[in-house]
Full PDB file with SEQRES, HELIX, SHEET, SSBOND, CRYST1, ORIGX, SCALE, CONECT and MASTER records, all heavy atoms in Angstrom:
SEQRES   1 A   34  SER ARG LEU LEU LEU ASN ILE ILE PRO GLY ARG LYS PHE          
SEQRES   2 A   34  PRO PHE PRO LYS SER LEU TYR ALA VAL GLU ASP VAL LEU          
SEQRES   3 A   34  ARG PHE PHE VAL GLN GLU LYS PRO                              
HELIX    1 AA1 ARG A    2  ILE A    7  1                                   6    
HELIX    2 AA2 LEU A   19  VAL A   30  1                                  12    
CRYST1    1.000    1.000    1.000  90.00  90.00  90.00 P 1           1          
ORIGX1      1.000000  0.000000  0.000000        0.00000                         
ORIGX2      0.000000  1.000000  0.000000        0.00000                         
ORIGX3      0.000000  0.000000  1.000000        0.00000                         
SCALE1      1.000000  0.000000  0.000000        0.00000                         
SCALE2      0.000000  1.000000  0.000000        0.00000                         
SCALE3      0.000000  0.000000  1.000000        0.00000                         
ATOM      1  N   SER A   1     215.393 -22.257 -36.752  1.00  0.00           N  
ATOM      2  CA  SER A   1     216.175 -21.150 -37.330  1.00  0.00           C  
ATOM      3  C   SER A   1     215.408 -20.396 -38.414  1.00  0.00           C  
ATOM      4  O   SER A   1     215.323 -19.157 -38.387  1.00  0.00           O  
ATOM      5  CB  SER A   1     217.480 -21.695 -37.914  1.00  0.00           C  
ATOM      6  OG  SER A   1     218.246 -22.328 -36.920  1.00  0.00           O  
ATOM      7  N   ARG A   2     214.826 -21.132 -39.387  1.00  0.00           N  
ATOM      8  CA  ARG A   2     214.153 -20.455 -40.504  1.00  0.00           C  
ATOM      9  C   ARG A   2     212.855 -19.788 -40.063  1.00  0.00           C  
ATOM     10  O   ARG A   2     212.520 -18.697 -40.531  1.00  0.00           O  
ATOM     11  CB  ARG A   2     213.900 -21.448 -41.635  1.00  0.00           C  
ATOM     12  CG  ARG A   2     215.188 -21.914 -42.303  1.00  0.00           C  
ATOM     13  CD  ARG A   2     214.957 -22.982 -43.338  1.00  0.00           C  
ATOM     14  NE  ARG A   2     216.217 -23.501 -43.851  1.00  0.00           N  
ATOM     15  CZ  ARG A   2     216.336 -24.575 -44.611  1.00  0.00           C  
ATOM     16  NH1 ARG A   2     215.252 -25.263 -44.971  1.00  0.00           N  
ATOM     17  NH2 ARG A   2     217.523 -24.988 -45.027  1.00  0.00           N  
ATOM     18  N   LEU A   3     212.138 -20.425 -39.162  1.00  0.00           N  
ATOM     19  CA  LEU A   3     210.906 -19.814 -38.666  1.00  0.00           C  
ATOM     20  C   LEU A   3     211.226 -18.522 -37.918  1.00  0.00           C  
ATOM     21  O   LEU A   3     210.530 -17.515 -38.065  1.00  0.00           O  
ATOM     22  CB  LEU A   3     210.175 -20.805 -37.754  1.00  0.00           C  
ATOM     23  CG  LEU A   3     208.827 -20.354 -37.184  1.00  0.00           C  
ATOM     24  CD1 LEU A   3     207.850 -21.522 -37.137  1.00  0.00           C  
ATOM     25  CD2 LEU A   3     208.977 -19.782 -35.781  1.00  0.00           C  
ATOM     26  N   LEU A   4     212.316 -18.533 -37.126  1.00  0.00           N  
ATOM     27  CA  LEU A   4     212.703 -17.334 -36.377  1.00  0.00           C  
ATOM     28  C   LEU A   4     213.054 -16.189 -37.317  1.00  0.00           C  
ATOM     29  O   LEU A   4     212.713 -15.021 -37.047  1.00  0.00           O  
ATOM     30  CB  LEU A   4     213.883 -17.657 -35.464  1.00  0.00           C  
ATOM     31  CG  LEU A   4     214.324 -16.548 -34.501  1.00  0.00           C  
ATOM     32  CD1 LEU A   4     213.204 -16.199 -33.530  1.00  0.00           C  
ATOM     33  CD2 LEU A   4     215.573 -16.968 -33.731  1.00  0.00           C  
ATOM     34  N   LEU A   5     213.708 -16.502 -38.439  1.00  0.00           N  
ATOM     35  CA  LEU A   5     214.055 -15.452 -39.401  1.00  0.00           C  
ATOM     36  C   LEU A   5     212.810 -14.848 -40.051  1.00  0.00           C  
ATOM     37  O   LEU A   5     212.825 -13.688 -40.466  1.00  0.00           O  
ATOM     38  CB  LEU A   5     214.993 -16.012 -40.468  1.00  0.00           C  
ATOM     39  CG  LEU A   5     216.449 -16.219 -40.023  1.00  0.00           C  
ATOM     40  CD1 LEU A   5     217.241 -16.933 -41.105  1.00  0.00           C  
ATOM     41  CD2 LEU A   5     217.096 -14.878 -39.677  1.00  0.00           C  
ATOM     42  N   ASN A   6     211.738 -15.620 -40.154  1.00  0.00           N  
ATOM     43  CA  ASN A   6     210.473 -15.062 -40.657  1.00  0.00           C  
ATOM     44  C   ASN A   6     209.902 -14.042 -39.681  1.00  0.00           C  
ATOM     45  O   ASN A   6     209.315 -13.032 -40.081  1.00  0.00           O  
ATOM     46  CB  ASN A   6     209.433 -16.178 -40.846  1.00  0.00           C  
ATOM     47  CG  ASN A   6     209.596 -16.896 -42.161  1.00  0.00           C  
ATOM     48  OD1 ASN A   6     210.480 -16.570 -42.948  1.00  0.00           O  
ATOM     49  ND2 ASN A   6     208.751 -17.879 -42.405  1.00  0.00           N  
ATOM     50  N   ILE A   7     210.068 -14.326 -38.391  1.00  0.00           N  
ATOM     51  CA  ILE A   7     209.441 -13.497 -37.353  1.00  0.00           C  
ATOM     52  C   ILE A   7     210.258 -12.243 -37.086  1.00  0.00           C  
ATOM     53  O   ILE A   7     209.701 -11.144 -36.951  1.00  0.00           O  
ATOM     54  CB  ILE A   7     209.273 -14.332 -36.066  1.00  0.00           C  
ATOM     55  CG1 ILE A   7     208.342 -15.522 -36.336  1.00  0.00           C  
ATOM     56  CG2 ILE A   7     208.720 -13.493 -34.930  1.00  0.00           C  
ATOM     57  CD1 ILE A   7     208.326 -16.549 -35.238  1.00  0.00           C  
ATOM     58  N   ILE A   8     211.571 -12.396 -36.969  1.00  0.00           N  
ATOM     59  CA  ILE A   8     212.453 -11.235 -36.759  1.00  0.00           C  
ATOM     60  C   ILE A   8     213.543 -11.274 -37.839  1.00  0.00           C  
ATOM     61  O   ILE A   8     214.675 -11.675 -37.581  1.00  0.00           O  
ATOM     62  CB  ILE A   8     213.054 -11.219 -35.338  1.00  0.00           C  
ATOM     63  CG1 ILE A   8     213.614 -12.593 -34.944  1.00  0.00           C  
ATOM     64  CG2 ILE A   8     212.020 -10.797 -34.310  1.00  0.00           C  
ATOM     65  CD1 ILE A   8     214.335 -12.600 -33.594  1.00  0.00           C  
ATOM     66  N   PRO A   9     213.202 -10.864 -39.051  1.00  0.00           N  
ATOM     67  CA  PRO A   9     214.134 -10.968 -40.187  1.00  0.00           C  
ATOM     68  C   PRO A   9     215.484 -10.311 -39.910  1.00  0.00           C  
ATOM     69  O   PRO A   9     215.558  -9.235 -39.310  1.00  0.00           O  
ATOM     70  CB  PRO A   9     213.386 -10.244 -41.310  1.00  0.00           C  
ATOM     71  CG  PRO A   9     211.948 -10.337 -40.927  1.00  0.00           C  
ATOM     72  CD  PRO A   9     211.924 -10.241 -39.433  1.00  0.00           C  
ATOM     73  N   GLY A  10     216.541 -11.003 -40.339  1.00  0.00           N  
ATOM     74  CA  GLY A  10     217.882 -10.436 -40.218  1.00  0.00           C  
ATOM     75  C   GLY A  10     218.533 -10.632 -38.868  1.00  0.00           C  
ATOM     76  O   GLY A  10     219.697 -10.276 -38.682  1.00  0.00           O  
ATOM     77  N   ARG A  11     217.804 -11.194 -37.919  1.00  0.00           N  
ATOM     78  CA  ARG A  11     218.362 -11.368 -36.572  1.00  0.00           C  
ATOM     79  C   ARG A  11     218.603 -12.852 -36.321  1.00  0.00           C  
ATOM     80  O   ARG A  11     217.662 -13.621 -36.207  1.00  0.00           O  
ATOM     81  CB  ARG A  11     217.420 -10.791 -35.513  1.00  0.00           C  
ATOM     82  CG  ARG A  11     217.081  -9.330 -35.764  1.00  0.00           C  
ATOM     83  CD  ARG A  11     216.321  -8.717 -34.614  1.00  0.00           C  
ATOM     84  NE  ARG A  11     215.918  -7.351 -34.905  1.00  0.00           N  
ATOM     85  CZ  ARG A  11     215.529  -6.465 -33.995  1.00  0.00           C  
ATOM     86  NH1 ARG A  11     215.482  -6.822 -32.720  1.00  0.00           N  
ATOM     87  NH2 ARG A  11     215.175  -5.247 -34.346  1.00  0.00           N  
ATOM     88  N   LYS A  12     219.860 -13.228 -36.243  1.00  0.00           N  
ATOM     89  CA  LYS A  12     220.198 -14.637 -36.108  1.00  0.00           C  
ATOM     90  C   LYS A  12     220.421 -15.002 -34.647  1.00  0.00           C  
ATOM     91  O   LYS A  12     220.932 -14.217 -33.852  1.00  0.00           O  
ATOM     92  CB  LYS A  12     221.443 -14.964 -36.928  1.00  0.00           C  
ATOM     93  CG  LYS A  12     221.225 -14.853 -38.429  1.00  0.00           C  
ATOM     94  CD  LYS A  12     222.465 -15.281 -39.189  1.00  0.00           C  
ATOM     95  CE  LYS A  12     222.233 -15.204 -40.698  1.00  0.00           C  
ATOM     96  NZ  LYS A  12     223.436 -15.622 -41.452  1.00  0.00           N  
ATOM     97  N   PHE A  13     220.021 -16.244 -34.333  1.00  0.00           N  
ATOM     98  CA  PHE A  13     220.239 -16.787 -32.999  1.00  0.00           C  
ATOM     99  C   PHE A  13     220.707 -18.233 -33.166  1.00  0.00           C  
ATOM    100  O   PHE A  13     220.122 -18.986 -33.950  1.00  0.00           O  
ATOM    101  CB  PHE A  13     218.942 -16.746 -32.177  1.00  0.00           C  
ATOM    102  CG  PHE A  13     219.086 -17.328 -30.801  1.00  0.00           C  
ATOM    103  CD1 PHE A  13     219.648 -16.573 -29.781  1.00  0.00           C  
ATOM    104  CD2 PHE A  13     218.678 -18.625 -30.525  1.00  0.00           C  
ATOM    105  CE1 PHE A  13     219.794 -17.109 -28.510  1.00  0.00           C  
ATOM    106  CE2 PHE A  13     218.824 -19.164 -29.263  1.00  0.00           C  
ATOM    107  CZ  PHE A  13     219.385 -18.406 -28.248  1.00  0.00           C  
ATOM    108  N   PRO A  14     221.778 -18.644 -32.464  1.00  0.00           N  
ATOM    109  CA  PRO A  14     222.314 -19.994 -32.687  1.00  0.00           C  
ATOM    110  C   PRO A  14     221.421 -21.096 -32.111  1.00  0.00           C  
ATOM    111  O   PRO A  14     221.049 -21.058 -30.950  1.00  0.00           O  
ATOM    112  CB  PRO A  14     223.667 -19.956 -31.959  1.00  0.00           C  
ATOM    113  CG  PRO A  14     223.517 -18.897 -30.912  1.00  0.00           C  
ATOM    114  CD  PRO A  14     222.590 -17.867 -31.508  1.00  0.00           C  
ATOM    115  N   PHE A  15     221.064 -22.013 -32.966  1.00  0.00           N  
ATOM    116  CA  PHE A  15     220.381 -23.248 -32.581  1.00  0.00           C  
ATOM    117  C   PHE A  15     219.065 -23.066 -31.819  1.00  0.00           C  
ATOM    118  O   PHE A  15     218.878 -23.652 -30.753  1.00  0.00           O  
ATOM    119  CB  PHE A  15     221.331 -24.134 -31.752  1.00  0.00           C  
ATOM    120  CG  PHE A  15     222.670 -24.325 -32.375  1.00  0.00           C  
ATOM    121  CD1 PHE A  15     223.808 -23.766 -31.807  1.00  0.00           C  
ATOM    122  CD2 PHE A  15     222.803 -25.041 -33.559  1.00  0.00           C  
ATOM    123  CE1 PHE A  15     225.061 -23.930 -32.392  1.00  0.00           C  
ATOM    124  CE2 PHE A  15     224.051 -25.219 -34.148  1.00  0.00           C  
ATOM    125  CZ  PHE A  15     225.179 -24.659 -33.568  1.00  0.00           C  
ATOM    126  N   PRO A  16     218.133 -22.279 -32.347  1.00  0.00           N  
ATOM    127  CA  PRO A  16     216.828 -22.213 -31.676  1.00  0.00           C  
ATOM    128  C   PRO A  16     216.076 -23.527 -31.834  1.00  0.00           C  
ATOM    129  O   PRO A  16     216.232 -24.233 -32.832  1.00  0.00           O  
ATOM    130  CB  PRO A  16     216.109 -21.080 -32.412  1.00  0.00           C  
ATOM    131  CG  PRO A  16     216.728 -21.066 -33.768  1.00  0.00           C  
ATOM    132  CD  PRO A  16     218.167 -21.461 -33.568  1.00  0.00           C  
ATOM    133  N   LYS A  17     215.263 -23.860 -30.860  1.00  0.00           N  
ATOM    134  CA  LYS A  17     214.458 -25.072 -30.908  1.00  0.00           C  
ATOM    135  C   LYS A  17     213.329 -24.933 -31.934  1.00  0.00           C  
ATOM    136  O   LYS A  17     212.840 -23.831 -32.191  1.00  0.00           O  
ATOM    137  CB  LYS A  17     213.832 -25.334 -29.535  1.00  0.00           C  
ATOM    138  CG  LYS A  17     214.804 -25.905 -28.527  1.00  0.00           C  
ATOM    139  CD  LYS A  17     215.027 -27.380 -28.803  1.00  0.00           C  
ATOM    140  CE  LYS A  17     215.968 -28.015 -27.806  1.00  0.00           C  
ATOM    141  NZ  LYS A  17     217.361 -27.683 -28.024  1.00  0.00           N  
ATOM    142  N   SER A  18     212.891 -26.065 -32.479  1.00  0.00           N  
ATOM    143  CA  SER A  18     211.674 -26.062 -33.289  1.00  0.00           C  
ATOM    144  C   SER A  18     210.511 -25.642 -32.407  1.00  0.00           C  
ATOM    145  O   SER A  18     210.323 -26.172 -31.302  1.00  0.00           O  
ATOM    146  CB  SER A  18     211.407 -27.463 -33.847  1.00  0.00           C  
ATOM    147  OG  SER A  18     210.055 -27.582 -34.262  1.00  0.00           O  
ATOM    148  N   LEU A  19     209.735 -24.685 -32.874  1.00  0.00           N  
ATOM    149  CA  LEU A  19     208.554 -24.231 -32.136  1.00  0.00           C  
ATOM    150  C   LEU A  19     207.633 -25.404 -31.832  1.00  0.00           C  
ATOM    151  O   LEU A  19     207.101 -25.535 -30.718  1.00  0.00           O  
ATOM    152  CB  LEU A  19     207.815 -23.176 -32.965  1.00  0.00           C  
ATOM    153  CG  LEU A  19     206.443 -22.724 -32.454  1.00  0.00           C  
ATOM    154  CD1 LEU A  19     206.565 -22.056 -31.100  1.00  0.00           C  
ATOM    155  CD2 LEU A  19     205.797 -21.774 -33.465  1.00  0.00           C  
ATOM    156  N   TYR A  20     207.465 -26.293 -32.793  1.00  0.00           N  
ATOM    157  CA  TYR A  20     206.503 -27.394 -32.650  1.00  0.00           C  
ATOM    158  C   TYR A  20     207.049 -28.495 -31.742  1.00  0.00           C  
ATOM    159  O   TYR A  20     206.265 -29.216 -31.103  1.00  0.00           O  
ATOM    160  CB  TYR A  20     206.146 -27.939 -34.034  1.00  0.00           C  
ATOM    161  CG  TYR A  20     205.748 -26.837 -34.986  1.00  0.00           C  
ATOM    162  CD1 TYR A  20     206.567 -26.480 -36.058  1.00  0.00           C  
ATOM    163  CD2 TYR A  20     204.587 -26.102 -34.768  1.00  0.00           C  
ATOM    164  CE1 TYR A  20     206.220 -25.445 -36.914  1.00  0.00           C  
ATOM    165  CE2 TYR A  20     204.233 -25.058 -35.619  1.00  0.00           C  
ATOM    166  CZ  TYR A  20     205.047 -24.731 -36.689  1.00  0.00           C  
ATOM    167  OH  TYR A  20     204.709 -23.697 -37.529  1.00  0.00           O  
ATOM    168  N   ALA A  21     208.368 -28.623 -31.636  1.00  0.00           N  
ATOM    169  CA  ALA A  21     208.949 -29.604 -30.720  1.00  0.00           C  
ATOM    170  C   ALA A  21     208.649 -29.218 -29.277  1.00  0.00           C  
ATOM    171  O   ALA A  21     208.268 -30.060 -28.451  1.00  0.00           O  
ATOM    172  CB  ALA A  21     210.455 -29.701 -30.938  1.00  0.00           C  
ATOM    173  N   VAL A  22     208.806 -27.934 -28.944  1.00  0.00           N  
ATOM    174  CA  VAL A  22     208.518 -27.457 -27.590  1.00  0.00           C  
ATOM    175  C   VAL A  22     207.017 -27.550 -27.310  1.00  0.00           C  
ATOM    176  O   VAL A  22     206.585 -27.996 -26.239  1.00  0.00           O  
ATOM    177  CB  VAL A  22     209.025 -26.013 -27.406  1.00  0.00           C  
ATOM    178  CG1 VAL A  22     208.715 -25.517 -25.998  1.00  0.00           C  
ATOM    179  CG2 VAL A  22     210.523 -25.925 -27.686  1.00  0.00           C  
ATOM    180  N   GLU A  23     206.227 -27.139 -28.284  1.00  0.00           N  
ATOM    181  CA  GLU A  23     204.764 -27.208 -28.149  1.00  0.00           C  
ATOM    182  C   GLU A  23     204.311 -28.637 -27.876  1.00  0.00           C  
ATOM    183  O   GLU A  23     203.483 -28.883 -26.979  1.00  0.00           O  
ATOM    184  CB  GLU A  23     204.132 -26.685 -29.439  1.00  0.00           C  
ATOM    185  CG  GLU A  23     202.632 -26.792 -29.521  1.00  0.00           C  
ATOM    186  CD  GLU A  23     202.118 -26.423 -30.899  1.00  0.00           C  
ATOM    187  OE1 GLU A  23     202.739 -25.565 -31.567  1.00  0.00           O  
ATOM    188  OE2 GLU A  23     201.101 -26.998 -31.321  1.00  0.00           O  
ATOM    189  N   ASP A  24     204.858 -29.589 -28.617  1.00  0.00           N  
ATOM    190  CA  ASP A  24     204.415 -30.974 -28.494  1.00  0.00           C  
ATOM    191  C   ASP A  24     204.737 -31.567 -27.129  1.00  0.00           C  
ATOM    192  O   ASP A  24     203.901 -32.226 -26.510  1.00  0.00           O  
ATOM    193  CB  ASP A  24     205.040 -31.832 -29.596  1.00  0.00           C  
ATOM    194  CG  ASP A  24     204.388 -31.612 -30.959  1.00  0.00           C  
ATOM    195  OD1 ASP A  24     203.284 -31.049 -30.998  1.00  0.00           O  
ATOM    196  OD2 ASP A  24     204.993 -31.997 -31.979  1.00  0.00           O  
ATOM    197  N   VAL A  25     205.961 -31.367 -26.650  1.00  0.00           N  
ATOM    198  CA  VAL A  25     206.324 -31.993 -25.381  1.00  0.00           C  
ATOM    199  C   VAL A  25     205.564 -31.342 -24.224  1.00  0.00           C  
ATOM    200  O   VAL A  25     205.163 -32.025 -23.265  1.00  0.00           O  
ATOM    201  CB  VAL A  25     207.853 -31.948 -25.156  1.00  0.00           C  
ATOM    202  CG1 VAL A  25     208.347 -30.543 -24.856  1.00  0.00           C  
ATOM    203  CG2 VAL A  25     208.252 -32.909 -24.038  1.00  0.00           C  
ATOM    204  N   LEU A  26     205.324 -30.047 -24.288  1.00  0.00           N  
ATOM    205  CA  LEU A  26     204.534 -29.390 -23.239  1.00  0.00           C  
ATOM    206  C   LEU A  26     203.090 -29.886 -23.241  1.00  0.00           C  
ATOM    207  O   LEU A  26     202.479 -30.069 -22.181  1.00  0.00           O  
ATOM    208  CB  LEU A  26     204.557 -27.872 -23.429  1.00  0.00           C  
ATOM    209  CG  LEU A  26     205.818 -27.136 -22.992  1.00  0.00           C  
ATOM    210  CD1 LEU A  26     205.750 -25.668 -23.393  1.00  0.00           C  
ATOM    211  CD2 LEU A  26     206.030 -27.256 -21.483  1.00  0.00           C  
ATOM    212  N   ARG A  27     202.553 -30.118 -24.438  1.00  0.00           N  
ATOM    213  CA  ARG A  27     201.142 -30.526 -24.541  1.00  0.00           C  
ATOM    214  C   ARG A  27     200.861 -31.803 -23.749  1.00  0.00           C  
ATOM    215  O   ARG A  27     199.783 -31.939 -23.154  1.00  0.00           O  
ATOM    216  CB  ARG A  27     200.750 -30.714 -26.010  1.00  0.00           C  
ATOM    217  CG  ARG A  27     199.251 -30.972 -26.201  1.00  0.00           C  
ATOM    218  CD  ARG A  27     198.877 -31.243 -27.638  1.00  0.00           C  
ATOM    219  NE  ARG A  27     199.003 -30.060 -28.464  1.00  0.00           N  
ATOM    220  CZ  ARG A  27     199.965 -29.878 -29.365  1.00  0.00           C  
ATOM    221  NH1 ARG A  27     200.886 -30.815 -29.562  1.00  0.00           N  
ATOM    222  NH2 ARG A  27     200.018 -28.775 -30.085  1.00  0.00           N  
ATOM    223  N   PHE A  28     201.806 -32.727 -23.719  1.00  0.00           N  
ATOM    224  CA  PHE A  28     201.590 -33.973 -22.981  1.00  0.00           C  
ATOM    225  C   PHE A  28     201.325 -33.727 -21.495  1.00  0.00           C  
ATOM    226  O   PHE A  28     200.709 -34.545 -20.826  1.00  0.00           O  
ATOM    227  CB  PHE A  28     202.799 -34.897 -23.131  1.00  0.00           C  
ATOM    228  CG  PHE A  28     202.892 -35.561 -24.479  1.00  0.00           C  
ATOM    229  CD1 PHE A  28     203.924 -35.257 -25.352  1.00  0.00           C  
ATOM    230  CD2 PHE A  28     201.935 -36.481 -24.875  1.00  0.00           C  
ATOM    231  CE1 PHE A  28     204.009 -35.865 -26.597  1.00  0.00           C  
ATOM    232  CE2 PHE A  28     202.005 -37.092 -26.129  1.00  0.00           C  
ATOM    233  CZ  PHE A  28     203.039 -36.783 -26.992  1.00  0.00           C  
ATOM    234  N   PHE A  29     201.783 -32.586 -20.965  1.00  0.00           N  
ATOM    235  CA  PHE A  29     201.680 -32.353 -19.527  1.00  0.00           C  
ATOM    236  C   PHE A  29     200.757 -31.195 -19.144  1.00  0.00           C  
ATOM    237  O   PHE A  29     200.373 -31.095 -17.975  1.00  0.00           O  
ATOM    238  CB  PHE A  29     203.078 -32.112 -18.944  1.00  0.00           C  
ATOM    239  CG  PHE A  29     203.953 -33.325 -19.036  1.00  0.00           C  
ATOM    240  CD1 PHE A  29     204.832 -33.493 -20.096  1.00  0.00           C  
ATOM    241  CD2 PHE A  29     203.877 -34.325 -18.078  1.00  0.00           C  
ATOM    242  CE1 PHE A  29     205.629 -34.623 -20.197  1.00  0.00           C  
ATOM    243  CE2 PHE A  29     204.675 -35.461 -18.171  1.00  0.00           C  
ATOM    244  CZ  PHE A  29     205.550 -35.611 -19.229  1.00  0.00           C  
ATOM    245  N   VAL A  30     200.406 -30.308 -20.073  1.00  0.00           N  
ATOM    246  CA  VAL A  30     199.534 -29.180 -19.708  1.00  0.00           C  
ATOM    247  C   VAL A  30     198.246 -29.155 -20.519  1.00  0.00           C  
ATOM    248  O   VAL A  30     197.470 -28.200 -20.415  1.00  0.00           O  
ATOM    249  CB  VAL A  30     200.274 -27.826 -19.838  1.00  0.00           C  
ATOM    250  CG1 VAL A  30     201.503 -27.800 -18.950  1.00  0.00           C  
ATOM    251  CG2 VAL A  30     200.633 -27.515 -21.286  1.00  0.00           C  
ATOM    252  N   GLN A  31     198.008 -30.197 -21.337  1.00  0.00           N  
ATOM    253  CA  GLN A  31     196.782 -30.247 -22.135  1.00  0.00           C  
ATOM    254  C   GLN A  31     195.546 -30.099 -21.250  1.00  0.00           C  
ATOM    255  O   GLN A  31     194.590 -29.424 -21.605  1.00  0.00           O  
ATOM    256  CB  GLN A  31     196.716 -31.571 -22.900  1.00  0.00           C  
ATOM    257  CG  GLN A  31     195.413 -31.834 -23.637  1.00  0.00           C  
ATOM    258  CD  GLN A  31     195.272 -31.001 -24.893  1.00  0.00           C  
ATOM    259  OE1 GLN A  31     196.257 -30.424 -25.354  1.00  0.00           O  
ATOM    260  NE2 GLN A  31     194.074 -30.923 -25.433  1.00  0.00           N  
ATOM    261  N   GLU A  32     195.566 -30.738 -20.093  1.00  0.00           N  
ATOM    262  CA  GLU A  32     194.411 -30.713 -19.197  1.00  0.00           C  
ATOM    263  C   GLU A  32     194.555 -29.660 -18.105  1.00  0.00           C  
ATOM    264  O   GLU A  32     193.850 -29.691 -17.101  1.00  0.00           O  
ATOM    265  CB  GLU A  32     194.207 -32.106 -18.598  1.00  0.00           C  
ATOM    266  CG  GLU A  32     193.881 -33.154 -19.673  1.00  0.00           C  
ATOM    267  CD  GLU A  32     193.767 -34.557 -19.122  1.00  0.00           C  
ATOM    268  OE1 GLU A  32     194.091 -34.756 -17.923  1.00  0.00           O  
ATOM    269  OE2 GLU A  32     193.344 -35.451 -19.870  1.00  0.00           O  
ATOM    270  N   LYS A  33     195.480 -28.722 -18.290  1.00  0.00           N  
ATOM    271  CA  LYS A  33     195.679 -27.623 -17.335  1.00  0.00           C  
ATOM    272  C   LYS A  33     195.597 -26.306 -18.091  1.00  0.00           C  
ATOM    273  O   LYS A  33     196.620 -25.699 -18.436  1.00  0.00           O  
ATOM    274  CB  LYS A  33     197.048 -27.751 -16.649  1.00  0.00           C  
ATOM    275  CG  LYS A  33     197.195 -28.998 -15.784  1.00  0.00           C  
ATOM    276  CD  LYS A  33     198.582 -29.048 -15.166  1.00  0.00           C  
ATOM    277  CE  LYS A  33     198.764 -30.273 -14.292  1.00  0.00           C  
ATOM    278  NZ  LYS A  33     200.119 -30.327 -13.700  1.00  0.00           N  
ATOM    279  N   PRO A  34     194.399 -25.820 -18.367  1.00  0.00           N  
ATOM    280  CA  PRO A  34     194.250 -24.608 -19.188  1.00  0.00           C  
ATOM    281  C   PRO A  34     194.776 -23.337 -18.519  1.00  0.00           C  
ATOM    282  O   PRO A  34     194.943 -22.327 -19.193  1.00  0.00           O  
ATOM    283  CB  PRO A  34     192.737 -24.524 -19.417  1.00  0.00           C  
ATOM    284  CG  PRO A  34     192.132 -25.301 -18.299  1.00  0.00           C  
ATOM    285  CD  PRO A  34     193.101 -26.401 -17.992  1.00  0.00           C  
TER     286      PRO A  34                                                      
MASTER        0    0    0    2    0    0    0    6  285    1    0    3          
END                                                                             
């Protein structure tokens, strides 16, 4: 939520995922697939 407000100030969206949570889980499966 707070990171999203930095990127698009004033625009709220309910319950966005942590950017790093999505990044981390994807990395386990696409790290070796550039």
